[in-house]
């Protein structure tokens, strides 16, 4: 999703520095999640581990890239939807 967002907003073929930092931050947060493998999707989680500013950025990226994923990466979109439905959301 970050690649879609960055390509369309920052005109970068790969991730720009800001988007790469956001990706590293998100991966770090997921690796250190207290719920581990049994976690729910972040938007349904009771323990918000993202800082306010980073959470806003992630929401912005998801709102933009989410609908575009269906056209650009339909198989990944189906996996994402399936995972979300399995989590109850």
N, C-alpha and C. Protein backbone atom coordinates (compact mmCIF):
# COMPACT_ATOMS: atom_id res chain seq x y z
N UNK A 1 0.82 -1.19 0.00
CA UNK A 1 0.00 0.00 0.00
C UNK A 1 0.87 1.25 0.00
N UNK A 2 1.96 1.19 0.73
CA UNK A 2 2.85 2.35 0.76
C UNK A 2 3.45 2.63 -0.61
N UNK A 3 3.74 1.59 -1.36
CA UNK A 3 4.30 1.81 -2.70
C UNK A 3 3.29 2.52 -3.60
N UNK A 4 2.03 2.14 -3.51
CA UNK A 4 0.99 2.80 -4.30
C UNK A 4 0.88 4.27 -3.90
N UNK A 5 0.82 4.52 -2.61
CA UNK A 5 0.69 5.88 -2.10
C UNK A 5 1.89 6.73 -2.51
N UNK A 6 3.10 6.21 -2.29
CA UNK A 6 4.31 6.98 -2.56
C UNK A 6 4.45 7.27 -4.06
N UNK A 7 4.17 6.26 -4.88
CA UNK A 7 4.29 6.46 -6.33
C UNK A 7 3.33 7.55 -6.80
N UNK A 8 2.11 7.56 -6.28
CA UNK A 8 1.11 8.53 -6.73
C UNK A 8 1.28 9.92 -6.11
N UNK A 9 1.80 9.99 -4.89
CA UNK A 9 1.92 11.28 -4.21
C UNK A 9 3.31 11.90 -4.30
N UNK A 10 4.33 11.07 -4.31
CA UNK A 10 5.70 11.58 -4.28
C UNK A 10 6.46 11.33 -5.58
N UNK A 11 5.80 10.67 -6.52
CA UNK A 11 6.37 10.39 -7.84
C UNK A 11 7.70 9.64 -7.75
N UNK A 12 7.79 8.75 -6.76
CA UNK A 12 9.00 7.94 -6.58
C UNK A 12 8.74 6.54 -7.10
N UNK A 13 9.72 5.97 -7.79
CA UNK A 13 9.60 4.59 -8.26
C UNK A 13 9.68 3.63 -7.07
N UNK A 14 10.63 3.85 -6.20
CA UNK A 14 10.73 3.13 -4.94
C UNK A 14 10.20 4.06 -3.85
N UNK A 15 10.24 3.63 -2.63
CA UNK A 15 9.75 4.47 -1.54
C UNK A 15 10.69 5.64 -1.29
N UNK A 16 10.11 6.82 -1.07
CA UNK A 16 10.90 7.99 -0.68
C UNK A 16 11.35 7.79 0.77
N UNK A 17 12.20 8.66 1.26
CA UNK A 17 12.72 8.52 2.63
C UNK A 17 11.61 8.53 3.68
N UNK A 18 10.63 9.44 3.53
CA UNK A 18 9.55 9.53 4.51
C UNK A 18 8.70 8.26 4.54
N UNK A 19 8.37 7.75 3.36
CA UNK A 19 7.56 6.53 3.29
C UNK A 19 8.35 5.32 3.77
N UNK A 20 9.64 5.28 3.49
CA UNK A 20 10.48 4.18 3.97
C UNK A 20 10.56 4.20 5.50
N UNK A 21 10.63 5.40 6.08
CA UNK A 21 10.64 5.52 7.55
C UNK A 21 9.32 5.02 8.13
N UNK A 22 8.22 5.37 7.49
CA UNK A 22 6.91 4.92 7.95
C UNK A 22 6.81 3.39 7.88
N UNK A 23 7.32 2.80 6.83
CA UNK A 23 7.30 1.34 6.69
C UNK A 23 8.15 0.68 7.78
N UNK A 24 9.33 1.20 8.04
CA UNK A 24 10.18 0.66 9.10
C UNK A 24 9.49 0.78 10.46
N UNK A 25 8.86 1.92 10.70
CA UNK A 25 8.15 2.15 11.96
C UNK A 25 7.01 1.13 12.12
N UNK A 26 6.23 0.93 11.06
CA UNK A 26 5.10 0.00 11.11
C UNK A 26 5.59 -1.43 11.36
N UNK A 27 6.65 -1.82 10.68
CA UNK A 27 7.19 -3.18 10.89
C UNK A 27 7.69 -3.35 12.32
N UNK A 28 8.34 -2.34 12.85
CA UNK A 28 8.84 -2.40 14.22
C UNK A 28 7.69 -2.54 15.21
N UNK A 29 6.63 -1.76 14.99
CA UNK A 29 5.47 -1.83 15.88
C UNK A 29 4.83 -3.22 15.82
N UNK A 30 4.71 -3.79 14.61
CA UNK A 30 4.10 -5.11 14.47
C UNK A 30 4.96 -6.19 15.11
N UNK A 31 6.28 -6.07 14.99
CA UNK A 31 7.18 -7.06 15.59
C UNK A 31 7.09 -7.02 17.11
N UNK A 32 6.82 -5.85 17.67
CA UNK A 32 6.76 -5.70 19.12
C UNK A 32 5.34 -5.72 19.68
N UNK A 33 4.39 -6.10 18.88
CA UNK A 33 2.98 -6.11 19.31
C UNK A 33 2.79 -7.09 20.46
N UNK A 34 2.11 -6.64 21.51
CA UNK A 34 1.89 -7.48 22.68
C UNK A 34 0.96 -8.66 22.39
N UNK A 35 0.16 -8.59 21.34
CA UNK A 35 -0.77 -9.66 21.01
C UNK A 35 -0.16 -10.71 20.10
N UNK A 36 0.99 -10.44 19.53
CA UNK A 36 1.70 -11.41 18.70
C UNK A 36 0.90 -11.88 17.50
N UNK A 37 0.95 -13.18 17.26
CA UNK A 37 0.29 -13.76 16.09
C UNK A 37 -1.23 -13.70 16.16
N UNK A 38 -1.79 -13.60 17.35
CA UNK A 38 -3.24 -13.62 17.50
C UNK A 38 -3.87 -12.23 17.47
N UNK A 39 -3.14 -11.24 16.98
CA UNK A 39 -3.63 -9.87 17.02
C UNK A 39 -4.76 -9.64 16.02
N UNK A 40 -5.60 -8.70 16.35
CA UNK A 40 -6.66 -8.26 15.45
C UNK A 40 -6.08 -7.18 14.53
N UNK A 41 -6.80 -6.78 13.50
CA UNK A 41 -6.31 -5.66 12.69
C UNK A 41 -6.13 -4.42 13.56
N UNK A 42 -5.15 -3.62 13.23
CA UNK A 42 -4.79 -2.46 14.06
C UNK A 42 -5.97 -1.52 14.29
N UNK A 43 -6.84 -1.35 13.28
CA UNK A 43 -7.95 -0.42 13.47
C UNK A 43 -9.00 -0.94 14.45
N UNK A 44 -8.92 -2.22 14.83
CA UNK A 44 -9.85 -2.79 15.80
C UNK A 44 -9.16 -3.08 17.13
N UNK A 45 -7.91 -2.76 17.25
CA UNK A 45 -7.12 -3.11 18.43
C UNK A 45 -7.44 -2.17 19.59
N UNK A 46 -7.36 -2.72 20.80
CA UNK A 46 -7.60 -1.93 22.00
C UNK A 46 -6.34 -1.23 22.49
N UNK A 47 -5.18 -1.72 22.10
CA UNK A 47 -3.90 -1.12 22.51
C UNK A 47 -3.27 -0.44 21.30
N UNK A 48 -3.35 0.86 21.25
CA UNK A 48 -2.79 1.59 20.11
C UNK A 48 -1.31 1.81 20.34
N UNK A 49 -0.49 1.14 19.54
CA UNK A 49 0.96 1.22 19.74
C UNK A 49 1.62 2.23 18.80
N UNK A 50 0.86 2.80 17.88
CA UNK A 50 1.39 3.83 17.00
C UNK A 50 1.25 5.19 17.68
N UNK A 51 2.23 6.06 17.48
CA UNK A 51 2.10 7.43 17.99
C UNK A 51 0.99 8.12 17.20
N UNK A 52 0.44 9.17 17.75
CA UNK A 52 -0.66 9.87 17.09
C UNK A 52 -0.33 10.33 15.69
N UNK A 53 0.84 10.91 15.51
CA UNK A 53 1.24 11.41 14.19
C UNK A 53 1.40 10.26 13.19
N UNK A 54 2.03 9.19 13.62
CA UNK A 54 2.24 8.05 12.73
C UNK A 54 0.92 7.36 12.41
N UNK A 55 0.03 7.28 13.38
CA UNK A 55 -1.28 6.68 13.14
C UNK A 55 -2.03 7.48 12.07
N UNK A 56 -1.96 8.79 12.14
CA UNK A 56 -2.61 9.64 11.12
C UNK A 56 -2.04 9.37 9.73
N UNK A 57 -0.72 9.22 9.66
CA UNK A 57 -0.08 8.95 8.37
C UNK A 57 -0.50 7.60 7.82
N UNK A 58 -0.55 6.58 8.68
CA UNK A 58 -0.96 5.24 8.24
C UNK A 58 -2.40 5.27 7.76
N UNK A 59 -3.28 5.95 8.47
CA UNK A 59 -4.68 6.05 8.05
C UNK A 59 -4.78 6.74 6.69
N UNK A 60 -4.00 7.79 6.49
CA UNK A 60 -4.00 8.51 5.20
C UNK A 60 -3.57 7.57 4.07
N UNK A 61 -2.51 6.81 4.30
CA UNK A 61 -2.03 5.87 3.28
C UNK A 61 -3.08 4.81 2.99
N UNK A 62 -3.66 4.24 4.04
CA UNK A 62 -4.64 3.17 3.86
C UNK A 62 -5.90 3.66 3.14
N UNK A 63 -6.35 4.85 3.50
CA UNK A 63 -7.55 5.39 2.83
C UNK A 63 -7.31 5.65 1.35
N UNK A 64 -6.10 6.05 1.02
CA UNK A 64 -5.80 6.31 -0.38
C UNK A 64 -5.55 5.01 -1.14
N UNK A 65 -4.68 4.17 -0.60
CA UNK A 65 -4.23 2.99 -1.33
C UNK A 65 -5.21 1.83 -1.29
N UNK A 66 -6.01 1.74 -0.24
CA UNK A 66 -6.94 0.63 -0.11
C UNK A 66 -7.83 0.40 -1.32
N UNK A 67 -8.58 1.41 -1.74
CA UNK A 67 -9.44 1.22 -2.92
C UNK A 67 -8.65 0.95 -4.20
N UNK A 68 -7.45 1.45 -4.30
CA UNK A 68 -6.64 1.27 -5.50
C UNK A 68 -5.99 -0.11 -5.55
N UNK A 69 -5.87 -0.76 -4.40
CA UNK A 69 -5.29 -2.11 -4.35
C UNK A 69 -6.12 -3.09 -5.16
N UNK A 70 -7.42 -2.92 -5.15
CA UNK A 70 -8.30 -3.84 -5.86
C UNK A 70 -7.96 -3.90 -7.34
N UNK A 71 -7.66 -2.78 -7.94
CA UNK A 71 -7.33 -2.76 -9.36
C UNK A 71 -5.87 -3.13 -9.64
N UNK A 72 -4.98 -2.67 -8.80
CA UNK A 72 -3.55 -2.88 -9.06
C UNK A 72 -3.05 -4.24 -8.60
N UNK A 73 -3.62 -4.76 -7.52
CA UNK A 73 -3.18 -6.04 -6.96
C UNK A 73 -4.40 -6.83 -6.47
N UNK A 74 -5.20 -7.36 -7.39
CA UNK A 74 -6.45 -8.02 -6.98
C UNK A 74 -6.23 -9.23 -6.07
N UNK A 75 -5.19 -10.01 -6.29
CA UNK A 75 -4.96 -11.19 -5.45
C UNK A 75 -4.60 -10.76 -4.03
N UNK A 76 -3.72 -9.79 -3.89
CA UNK A 76 -3.37 -9.29 -2.56
C UNK A 76 -4.59 -8.70 -1.87
N UNK A 77 -5.45 -8.04 -2.63
CA UNK A 77 -6.68 -7.47 -2.07
C UNK A 77 -7.58 -8.57 -1.50
N UNK A 78 -7.68 -9.67 -2.22
CA UNK A 78 -8.50 -10.78 -1.74
C UNK A 78 -7.92 -11.38 -0.46
N UNK A 79 -6.60 -11.54 -0.40
CA UNK A 79 -5.96 -12.05 0.82
C UNK A 79 -6.20 -11.09 1.99
N UNK A 80 -6.10 -9.81 1.74
CA UNK A 80 -6.32 -8.80 2.78
C UNK A 80 -7.77 -8.87 3.29
N UNK A 81 -8.71 -8.95 2.37
CA UNK A 81 -10.13 -9.04 2.74
C UNK A 81 -10.40 -10.32 3.53
N UNK A 82 -9.83 -11.42 3.09
CA UNK A 82 -10.02 -12.70 3.77
C UNK A 82 -9.47 -12.62 5.20
N UNK A 83 -8.30 -12.05 5.37
CA UNK A 83 -7.69 -11.92 6.70
C UNK A 83 -8.55 -11.04 7.59
N UNK A 84 -9.10 -9.98 7.01
CA UNK A 84 -9.94 -9.07 7.78
C UNK A 84 -11.24 -9.75 8.22
N UNK A 85 -11.82 -10.53 7.32
CA UNK A 85 -13.05 -11.25 7.67
C UNK A 85 -12.80 -12.32 8.72
N UNK A 86 -11.66 -12.99 8.64
CA UNK A 86 -11.31 -14.01 9.64
C UNK A 86 -11.14 -13.41 11.02
N UNK A 87 -10.66 -12.15 11.05
CA UNK A 87 -10.44 -11.48 12.33
C UNK A 87 -11.73 -10.94 12.91
N UNK A 88 -12.81 -11.02 12.15
CA UNK A 88 -14.09 -10.57 12.67
C UNK A 88 -14.41 -9.14 12.32
N UNK A 89 -13.75 -8.62 11.31
CA UNK A 89 -14.00 -7.23 11.07
C UNK A 89 -14.29 -6.82 9.74
